[in-house]
Amino acid sequence: MTTGTNAYRIENLDVYRKSIALGTRLYQEAGNGTAHSAVGERVRENTLALVLNLASGLGFWEKQWKTTHFAASKRALMELTPLLELMVALGEMKAETEAQYANELQDLSRMVGGLLRQAQRRDGGEDPGPPREGDACERATRYH
């Protein structure tokens, strides 16, 4: 994380800091021990999608771009819960560990959901319309 006056504005937001902290632990958990299955890999992909789309949404001013990225971040969060349950069923994660993550995911989901609702209500700013094929925004949402 950048420190001092060069810090990005988003690094000071609780939702971003929590996504980085949780994302780091989930990413490592899905890559440790026996978690080398397709489910573990999908957890890692969703973790990246969560953090990257959240950061992108926080960086845009335009309503359409913000909502697109926040929605993609929310989708990644919603998919993580059943993926973690599958990891428990496959013996790749302990049930107690999954329960702890589930609570943190629920809290983060509320925060991202609030950002999404706020972006959807947002007035002002130039709305560029839906992303077109090849746009950075469209590419960023392919991870879901």
N, C-alpha and C. Protein backbone atom coordinates (compact mmCIF):
# COMPACT_ATOMS: atom_id res chain seq x y z
N MET A 1 0.85 -1.17 0.00
CA MET A 1 0.00 0.00 0.00
C MET A 1 0.89 1.23 0.00
N THR A 2 0.52 2.21 -0.77
CA THR A 2 1.27 3.45 -0.86
C THR A 2 1.04 4.27 0.40
N THR A 3 2.08 4.94 0.86
CA THR A 3 1.94 5.77 2.04
C THR A 3 2.28 7.20 1.70
N GLY A 4 1.97 8.11 2.63
CA GLY A 4 2.30 9.52 2.44
C GLY A 4 1.33 10.21 1.51
N THR A 5 1.79 11.28 0.91
CA THR A 5 0.93 12.10 0.05
C THR A 5 0.67 11.46 -1.29
N ASN A 6 1.41 10.42 -1.64
CA ASN A 6 1.21 9.76 -2.94
C ASN A 6 0.14 8.68 -2.89
N ALA A 7 -0.49 8.51 -1.75
CA ALA A 7 -1.51 7.45 -1.61
C ALA A 7 -2.70 7.75 -2.51
N TYR A 8 -3.21 6.72 -3.12
CA TYR A 8 -4.43 6.85 -3.89
C TYR A 8 -5.59 7.06 -2.94
N ARG A 9 -6.58 7.79 -3.36
CA ARG A 9 -7.74 8.08 -2.52
C ARG A 9 -8.43 6.81 -2.06
N ILE A 10 -8.52 5.81 -2.91
CA ILE A 10 -9.26 4.60 -2.56
C ILE A 10 -8.60 3.80 -1.46
N GLU A 11 -7.29 3.95 -1.27
CA GLU A 11 -6.59 3.18 -0.25
C GLU A 11 -7.03 3.56 1.15
N ASN A 12 -7.66 4.70 1.30
CA ASN A 12 -8.11 5.15 2.61
C ASN A 12 -9.52 4.68 2.94
N LEU A 13 -10.19 4.02 2.04
CA LEU A 13 -11.56 3.58 2.25
C LEU A 13 -11.60 2.22 2.93
N ASP A 14 -12.47 2.10 3.95
CA ASP A 14 -12.59 0.84 4.69
C ASP A 14 -12.92 -0.33 3.77
N VAL A 15 -13.84 -0.12 2.84
CA VAL A 15 -14.27 -1.21 1.97
C VAL A 15 -13.09 -1.73 1.14
N TYR A 16 -12.24 -0.84 0.69
CA TYR A 16 -11.08 -1.26 -0.10
C TYR A 16 -10.07 -2.00 0.78
N ARG A 17 -9.77 -1.45 1.96
CA ARG A 17 -8.82 -2.08 2.87
C ARG A 17 -9.31 -3.47 3.29
N LYS A 18 -10.62 -3.58 3.56
CA LYS A 18 -11.17 -4.88 3.94
C LYS A 18 -11.11 -5.87 2.79
N SER A 19 -11.35 -5.40 1.58
CA SER A 19 -11.29 -6.31 0.43
C SER A 19 -9.87 -6.81 0.21
N ILE A 20 -8.88 -5.96 0.43
CA ILE A 20 -7.49 -6.37 0.28
C ILE A 20 -7.12 -7.39 1.37
N ALA A 21 -7.49 -7.10 2.61
CA ALA A 21 -7.15 -8.00 3.72
C ALA A 21 -7.82 -9.36 3.54
N LEU A 22 -9.12 -9.36 3.28
CA LEU A 22 -9.84 -10.62 3.09
C LEU A 22 -9.38 -11.32 1.82
N GLY A 23 -9.22 -10.57 0.76
CA GLY A 23 -8.78 -11.14 -0.51
C GLY A 23 -7.43 -11.81 -0.40
N THR A 24 -6.51 -11.20 0.33
CA THR A 24 -5.18 -11.79 0.51
C THR A 24 -5.27 -13.13 1.23
N ARG A 25 -6.03 -13.16 2.30
CA ARG A 25 -6.16 -14.42 3.06
C ARG A 25 -6.86 -15.50 2.25
N LEU A 26 -7.94 -15.13 1.55
CA LEU A 26 -8.66 -16.12 0.73
C LEU A 26 -7.78 -16.64 -0.41
N TYR A 27 -7.05 -15.76 -1.04
CA TYR A 27 -6.18 -16.15 -2.15
C TYR A 27 -5.14 -17.15 -1.66
N GLN A 28 -4.54 -16.85 -0.51
CA GLN A 28 -3.53 -17.76 0.04
C GLN A 28 -4.15 -19.07 0.50
N GLU A 29 -5.31 -19.00 1.14
CA GLU A 29 -6.00 -20.21 1.60
C GLU A 29 -6.33 -21.14 0.44
N ALA A 30 -6.76 -20.58 -0.66
CA ALA A 30 -7.16 -21.38 -1.83
C ALA A 30 -5.94 -21.97 -2.55
N GLY A 31 -4.76 -21.48 -2.25
CA GLY A 31 -3.56 -21.99 -2.90
C GLY A 31 -2.71 -22.87 -2.00
N ASN A 32 -3.11 -23.03 -0.75
CA ASN A 32 -2.33 -23.83 0.22
C ASN A 32 -2.80 -25.27 0.28
N GLY A 33 -1.93 -26.11 0.74
CA GLY A 33 -2.28 -27.50 1.04
C GLY A 33 -2.89 -28.23 -0.13
N THR A 34 -4.09 -28.76 0.10
CA THR A 34 -4.75 -29.58 -0.92
C THR A 34 -5.66 -28.76 -1.82
N ALA A 35 -5.69 -27.45 -1.63
CA ALA A 35 -6.61 -26.61 -2.40
C ALA A 35 -6.07 -26.29 -3.79
N HIS A 36 -5.86 -27.31 -4.55
CA HIS A 36 -5.38 -27.12 -5.92
C HIS A 36 -6.42 -27.56 -6.94
N SER A 37 -7.63 -27.67 -6.50
CA SER A 37 -8.70 -28.10 -7.38
C SER A 37 -9.20 -26.93 -8.23
N ALA A 38 -10.10 -27.23 -9.12
CA ALA A 38 -10.74 -26.19 -9.93
C ALA A 38 -11.51 -25.23 -9.03
N VAL A 39 -12.05 -25.73 -7.93
CA VAL A 39 -12.79 -24.87 -7.00
C VAL A 39 -11.84 -23.87 -6.34
N GLY A 40 -10.70 -24.34 -5.89
CA GLY A 40 -9.71 -23.45 -5.30
C GLY A 40 -9.23 -22.40 -6.28
N GLU A 41 -9.05 -22.80 -7.52
CA GLU A 41 -8.63 -21.85 -8.55
C GLU A 41 -9.72 -20.80 -8.79
N ARG A 42 -10.96 -21.23 -8.77
CA ARG A 42 -12.07 -20.28 -8.96
C ARG A 42 -12.16 -19.30 -7.79
N VAL A 43 -11.86 -19.76 -6.58
CA VAL A 43 -11.81 -18.86 -5.43
C VAL A 43 -10.75 -17.79 -5.67
N ARG A 44 -9.61 -18.20 -6.16
CA ARG A 44 -8.53 -17.25 -6.43
C ARG A 44 -8.95 -16.24 -7.51
N GLU A 45 -9.60 -16.72 -8.56
CA GLU A 45 -10.06 -15.82 -9.64
C GLU A 45 -11.09 -14.82 -9.11
N ASN A 46 -12.04 -15.30 -8.31
CA ASN A 46 -13.07 -14.42 -7.77
C ASN A 46 -12.49 -13.40 -6.79
N THR A 47 -11.49 -13.83 -6.06
CA THR A 47 -10.83 -12.91 -5.14
C THR A 47 -10.18 -11.77 -5.92
N LEU A 48 -9.49 -12.11 -7.01
CA LEU A 48 -8.90 -11.07 -7.85
C LEU A 48 -9.97 -10.17 -8.45
N ALA A 49 -11.04 -10.77 -8.95
CA ALA A 49 -12.12 -10.00 -9.56
C ALA A 49 -12.76 -9.05 -8.55
N LEU A 50 -12.93 -9.52 -7.33
CA LEU A 50 -13.50 -8.69 -6.27
C LEU A 50 -12.67 -7.44 -6.07
N VAL A 51 -11.40 -7.61 -5.82
CA VAL A 51 -10.52 -6.48 -5.51
C VAL A 51 -10.34 -5.56 -6.71
N LEU A 52 -10.09 -6.14 -7.88
CA LEU A 52 -9.83 -5.31 -9.07
C LEU A 52 -11.06 -4.53 -9.51
N ASN A 53 -12.22 -5.15 -9.48
CA ASN A 53 -13.44 -4.43 -9.89
C ASN A 53 -13.84 -3.39 -8.86
N LEU A 54 -13.62 -3.68 -7.59
CA LEU A 54 -13.91 -2.69 -6.57
C LEU A 54 -13.01 -1.46 -6.75
N ALA A 55 -11.73 -1.69 -6.95
CA ALA A 55 -10.80 -0.57 -7.16
C ALA A 55 -11.17 0.21 -8.41
N SER A 56 -11.55 -0.48 -9.48
CA SER A 56 -11.94 0.21 -10.71
C SER A 56 -13.20 1.03 -10.49
N GLY A 57 -14.19 0.46 -9.82
CA GLY A 57 -15.42 1.21 -9.55
C GLY A 57 -15.17 2.44 -8.70
N LEU A 58 -14.28 2.31 -7.74
CA LEU A 58 -13.97 3.46 -6.89
C LEU A 58 -13.21 4.54 -7.66
N GLY A 59 -12.54 4.15 -8.74
CA GLY A 59 -11.76 5.11 -9.51
C GLY A 59 -12.53 5.87 -10.57
N PHE A 60 -13.70 5.38 -10.97
CA PHE A 60 -14.50 6.05 -12.01
C PHE A 60 -15.49 7.03 -11.40
N TRP A 61 -15.80 8.07 -12.15
CA TRP A 61 -16.83 9.03 -11.75
C TRP A 61 -18.15 8.77 -12.44
N GLU A 62 -18.11 8.24 -13.66
CA GLU A 62 -19.32 8.04 -14.45
C GLU A 62 -20.17 6.92 -13.87
N LYS A 63 -21.47 7.17 -13.83
CA LYS A 63 -22.43 6.24 -13.23
C LYS A 63 -22.34 4.84 -13.83
N GLN A 64 -22.36 4.74 -15.14
CA GLN A 64 -22.37 3.42 -15.80
C GLN A 64 -21.11 2.62 -15.46
N TRP A 65 -19.98 3.27 -15.46
CA TRP A 65 -18.73 2.57 -15.19
C TRP A 65 -18.67 2.13 -13.73
N LYS A 66 -19.09 3.02 -12.82
CA LYS A 66 -19.11 2.67 -11.41
C LYS A 66 -20.03 1.48 -11.16
N THR A 67 -21.25 1.55 -11.69
CA THR A 67 -22.21 0.47 -11.44
C THR A 67 -21.74 -0.84 -12.06
N THR A 68 -21.14 -0.78 -13.23
CA THR A 68 -20.65 -2.00 -13.88
C THR A 68 -19.60 -2.68 -13.02
N HIS A 69 -18.65 -1.92 -12.51
CA HIS A 69 -17.58 -2.51 -11.71
C HIS A 69 -18.05 -2.93 -10.33
N PHE A 70 -18.90 -2.13 -9.69
CA PHE A 70 -19.41 -2.53 -8.38
C PHE A 70 -20.28 -3.78 -8.50
N ALA A 71 -21.06 -3.89 -9.57
CA ALA A 71 -21.88 -5.08 -9.78
C ALA A 71 -21.00 -6.31 -10.00
N ALA A 72 -19.92 -6.15 -10.74
CA ALA A 72 -18.99 -7.27 -10.96
C ALA A 72 -18.33 -7.68 -9.64
N SER A 73 -17.99 -6.70 -8.82
CA SER A 73 -17.41 -6.99 -7.51
C SER A 73 -18.41 -7.73 -6.62
N LYS A 74 -19.66 -7.30 -6.66
CA LYS A 74 -20.72 -7.95 -5.88
C LYS A 74 -20.93 -9.40 -6.35
N ARG A 75 -20.91 -9.62 -7.68
CA ARG A 75 -21.05 -10.99 -8.21
C ARG A 75 -19.92 -11.89 -7.70
N ALA A 76 -18.70 -11.36 -7.71
CA ALA A 76 -17.56 -12.14 -7.23
C ALA A 76 -17.76 -12.52 -5.77
N LEU A 77 -18.24 -11.59 -4.97
CA LEU A 77 -18.51 -11.86 -3.56
C LEU A 77 -19.58 -12.94 -3.40
N MET A 78 -20.66 -12.82 -4.15
CA MET A 78 -21.77 -13.76 -4.04
C MET A 78 -21.34 -15.18 -4.44
N GLU A 79 -20.42 -15.29 -5.37
CA GLU A 79 -19.95 -16.61 -5.80
C GLU A 79 -18.97 -17.22 -4.81
N LEU A 80 -18.31 -16.39 -4.01
CA LEU A 80 -17.31 -16.93 -3.09
C LEU A 80 -17.91 -17.81 -2.00
N THR A 81 -19.09 -17.47 -1.51
CA THR A 81 -19.69 -18.27 -0.43
C THR A 81 -19.92 -19.72 -0.85
N PRO A 82 -20.60 -19.99 -1.97
CA PRO A 82 -20.77 -21.40 -2.34
C PRO A 82 -19.46 -22.08 -2.73
N LEU A 83 -18.51 -21.32 -3.24
CA LEU A 83 -17.21 -21.91 -3.56
C LEU A 83 -16.49 -22.37 -2.29
N LEU A 84 -16.58 -21.57 -1.24
CA LEU A 84 -15.97 -21.97 0.02
C LEU A 84 -16.68 -23.19 0.61
N GLU A 85 -18.00 -23.24 0.46
CA GLU A 85 -18.74 -24.42 0.92
C GLU A 85 -18.31 -25.67 0.16
N LEU A 86 -18.05 -25.52 -1.12
CA LEU A 86 -17.55 -26.64 -1.91
C LEU A 86 -16.16 -27.07 -1.45
N MET A 87 -15.33 -26.10 -1.10
CA MET A 87 -13.99 -26.44 -0.59
C MET A 87 -14.10 -27.25 0.70
N VAL A 88 -15.05 -26.91 1.56
CA VAL A 88 -15.27 -27.69 2.79
C VAL A 88 -15.72 -29.10 2.42
N ALA A 89 -16.67 -29.21 1.51
CA ALA A 89 -17.19 -30.52 1.11
C ALA A 89 -16.09 -31.39 0.48
N LEU A 90 -15.14 -30.75 -0.20
CA LEU A 90 -14.04 -31.48 -0.84
C LEU A 90 -12.88 -31.75 0.12
N GLY A 91 -13.00 -31.26 1.35
CA GLY A 91 -11.94 -31.45 2.32
C GLY A 91 -10.76 -30.51 2.14
N GLU A 92 -10.96 -29.44 1.40
CA GLU A 92 -9.89 -28.48 1.14
C GLU A 92 -9.88 -27.31 2.14
N MET A 93 -10.91 -27.26 2.99
CA MET A 93 -11.00 -26.19 3.99
C MET A 93 -11.80 -26.72 5.16
N LYS A 94 -11.43 -26.28 6.35
CA LYS A 94 -12.17 -26.66 7.55
C LYS A 94 -13.46 -25.84 7.64
N ALA A 95 -14.50 -26.44 8.18
CA ALA A 95 -15.80 -25.77 8.30
C ALA A 95 -15.69 -24.51 9.16
N GLU A 96 -14.86 -24.53 10.20
CA GLU A 96 -14.69 -23.36 11.06
C GLU A 96 -14.07 -22.20 10.29
N THR A 97 -13.13 -22.51 9.43
CA THR A 97 -12.47 -21.49 8.61
C THR A 97 -13.47 -20.90 7.63
N GLU A 98 -14.28 -21.75 7.02
CA GLU A 98 -15.30 -21.28 6.07
C GLU A 98 -16.31 -20.39 6.77
N ALA A 99 -16.69 -20.72 7.99
CA ALA A 99 -17.66 -19.91 8.73
C ALA A 99 -17.10 -18.52 9.03
N GLN A 100 -15.83 -18.45 9.36
CA GLN A 100 -15.20 -17.15 9.61
C GLN A 100 -15.20 -16.32 8.33
N TYR A 101 -14.81 -16.93 7.22
CA TYR A 101 -14.81 -16.22 5.95
C TYR A 101 -16.22 -15.79 5.56
N ALA A 102 -17.20 -16.64 5.80
CA ALA A 102 -18.59 -16.32 5.44
C ALA A 102 -19.05 -15.05 6.14
N ASN A 103 -18.71 -14.89 7.41
CA ASN A 103 -19.07 -13.68 8.14
C ASN A 103 -18.41 -12.44 7.54
N GLU A 104 -17.14 -12.56 7.22
CA GLU A 104 -16.43 -11.44 6.63
C GLU A 104 -16.95 -11.11 5.24
N LEU A 105 -17.28 -12.13 4.47
CA LEU A 105 -17.84 -11.91 3.13
C LEU A 105 -19.18 -11.21 3.21
N GLN A 106 -19.99 -11.58 4.20
CA GLN A 106 -21.30 -10.95 4.37
C GLN A 106 -21.14 -9.46 4.70
N ASP A 107 -20.22 -9.13 5.58
CA ASP A 107 -19.97 -7.73 5.91
C ASP A 107 -19.49 -6.95 4.69
N LEU A 108 -18.55 -7.52 3.97
CA LEU A 108 -18.02 -6.86 2.78
C LEU A 108 -19.10 -6.74 1.70
N SER A 109 -19.95 -7.75 1.60
CA SER A 109 -21.04 -7.71 0.63
C SER A 109 -22.00 -6.55 0.90
N ARG A 110 -22.28 -6.31 2.17
CA ARG A 110 -23.13 -5.17 2.53
C ARG A 110 -22.49 -3.85 2.11
N MET A 111 -21.19 -3.75 2.31
CA MET A 111 -20.48 -2.52 1.96
C MET A 111 -20.48 -2.30 0.44
N VAL A 112 -20.18 -3.34 -0.31
CA VAL A 112 -20.17 -3.23 -1.77
C VAL A 112 -21.58 -2.99 -2.29
N GLY A 113 -22.56 -3.64 -1.68
CA GLY A 113 -23.96 -3.40 -2.06
C GLY A 113 -24.35 -1.95 -1.86
N GLY A 114 -23.89 -1.35 -0.77
CA GLY A 114 -24.16 0.07 -0.52
C GLY A 114 -23.52 0.95 -1.58
N LEU A 115 -22.29 0.62 -1.97
CA LEU A 115 -21.63 1.38 -3.04
C LEU A 115 -22.39 1.25 -4.35
N LEU A 116 -22.87 0.04 -4.64
CA LEU A 116 -23.62 -0.19 -5.87
C LEU A 116 -24.92 0.61 -5.88
N ARG A 117 -25.66 0.57 -4.78
CA ARG A 117 -26.91 1.34 -4.70
C ARG A 117 -26.65 2.83 -4.84
N GLN A 118 -25.60 3.30 -4.19
CA GLN A 118 -25.25 4.72 -4.27
C GLN A 118 -24.88 5.11 -5.71
N ALA A 119 -24.11 4.26 -6.37
CA ALA A 119 -23.72 4.55 -7.75
C ALA A 119 -24.93 4.53 -8.68
N GLN A 120 -25.88 3.64 -8.44
CA GLN A 120 -27.07 3.56 -9.28
C GLN A 120 -27.94 4.80 -9.13
N ARG A 121 -27.93 5.42 -7.97
CA ARG A 121 -28.72 6.64 -7.73
C ARG A 121 -27.99 7.90 -8.12
N ARG A 122 -26.73 7.78 -8.36
CA ARG A 122 -25.87 8.95 -8.60
C ARG A 122 -26.40 9.81 -9.75
N ASP A 123 -26.46 11.09 -9.49
CA ASP A 123 -26.82 12.07 -10.51
C ASP A 123 -25.56 12.82 -10.92
N GLY A 124 -25.58 13.36 -12.10
CA GLY A 124 -24.46 14.16 -12.56
C GLY A 124 -23.40 13.30 -13.20
N GLY A 125 -22.40 13.94 -13.71
CA GLY A 125 -21.33 13.23 -14.41
C GLY A 125 -21.80 12.77 -15.76
N GLU A 126 -20.92 12.71 -16.67
CA GLU A 126 -21.27 12.27 -18.02
C GLU A 126 -21.40 10.76 -18.03
N ASP A 127 -22.51 10.27 -18.51
CA ASP A 127 -22.76 8.85 -18.59
C ASP A 127 -22.39 8.36 -19.99
N PRO A 128 -21.31 7.57 -20.10
CA PRO A 128 -20.86 7.15 -21.42
C PRO A 128 -21.70 6.04 -22.03
N GLY A 129 -22.72 5.57 -21.33
CA GLY A 129 -23.55 4.48 -21.84
C GLY A 129 -22.92 3.15 -21.53
N PRO A 130 -23.53 2.08 -22.02
CA PRO A 130 -23.00 0.75 -21.71
C PRO A 130 -21.64 0.55 -22.37
N PRO A 131 -20.80 -0.28 -21.75
CA PRO A 131 -19.49 -0.53 -22.33
C PRO A 131 -19.61 -1.23 -23.67
N ARG A 132 -18.71 -0.89 -24.56
CA ARG A 132 -18.67 -1.51 -25.89
C ARG A 132 -17.63 -2.62 -25.90
N GLU A 133 -17.75 -3.54 -26.81
CA GLU A 133 -16.79 -4.62 -26.96
C GLU A 133 -15.39 -4.04 -27.06
N GLY A 134 -14.50 -4.54 -26.22
CA GLY A 134 -13.12 -4.07 -26.24
C GLY A 134 -12.82 -2.96 -25.25
N ASP A 135 -13.85 -2.33 -24.68
CA ASP A 135 -13.61 -1.28 -23.68
C ASP A 135 -12.96 -1.91 -22.45
N ALA A 136 -12.20 -1.11 -21.73
CA ALA A 136 -11.54 -1.58 -20.51
C ALA A 136 -12.57 -2.10 -19.51
N CYS A 137 -13.69 -1.43 -19.42
CA CYS A 137 -14.74 -1.83 -18.48
C CYS A 137 -15.30 -3.20 -18.86
N GLU A 138 -15.53 -3.42 -20.12
CA GLU A 138 -16.08 -4.68 -20.58
C GLU A 138 -15.08 -5.81 -20.33
N ARG A 139 -13.80 -5.55 -20.56
CA ARG A 139 -12.78 -6.57 -20.32
C ARG A 139 -12.70 -6.91 -18.84
N ALA A 140 -12.85 -5.91 -17.97
CA ALA A 140 -12.71 -6.12 -16.54
C ALA A 140 -13.81 -7.02 -15.98
N THR A 141 -14.95 -7.06 -16.63
CA THR A 141 -16.07 -7.85 -16.10
C THR A 141 -16.08 -9.28 -16.66
N ARG A 142 -15.15 -9.62 -17.51
CA ARG A 142 -15.10 -10.97 -18.07
C ARG A 142 -14.71 -12.02 -17.05
N TYR A 143 -14.20 -11.62 -15.90
CA TYR A 143 -13.74 -12.56 -14.90
C TYR A 143 -14.87 -13.25 -14.18
N HIS A 144 -16.12 -12.95 -14.53
CA HIS A 144 -17.26 -13.51 -13.79
C HIS A 144 -18.03 -14.41 -14.67
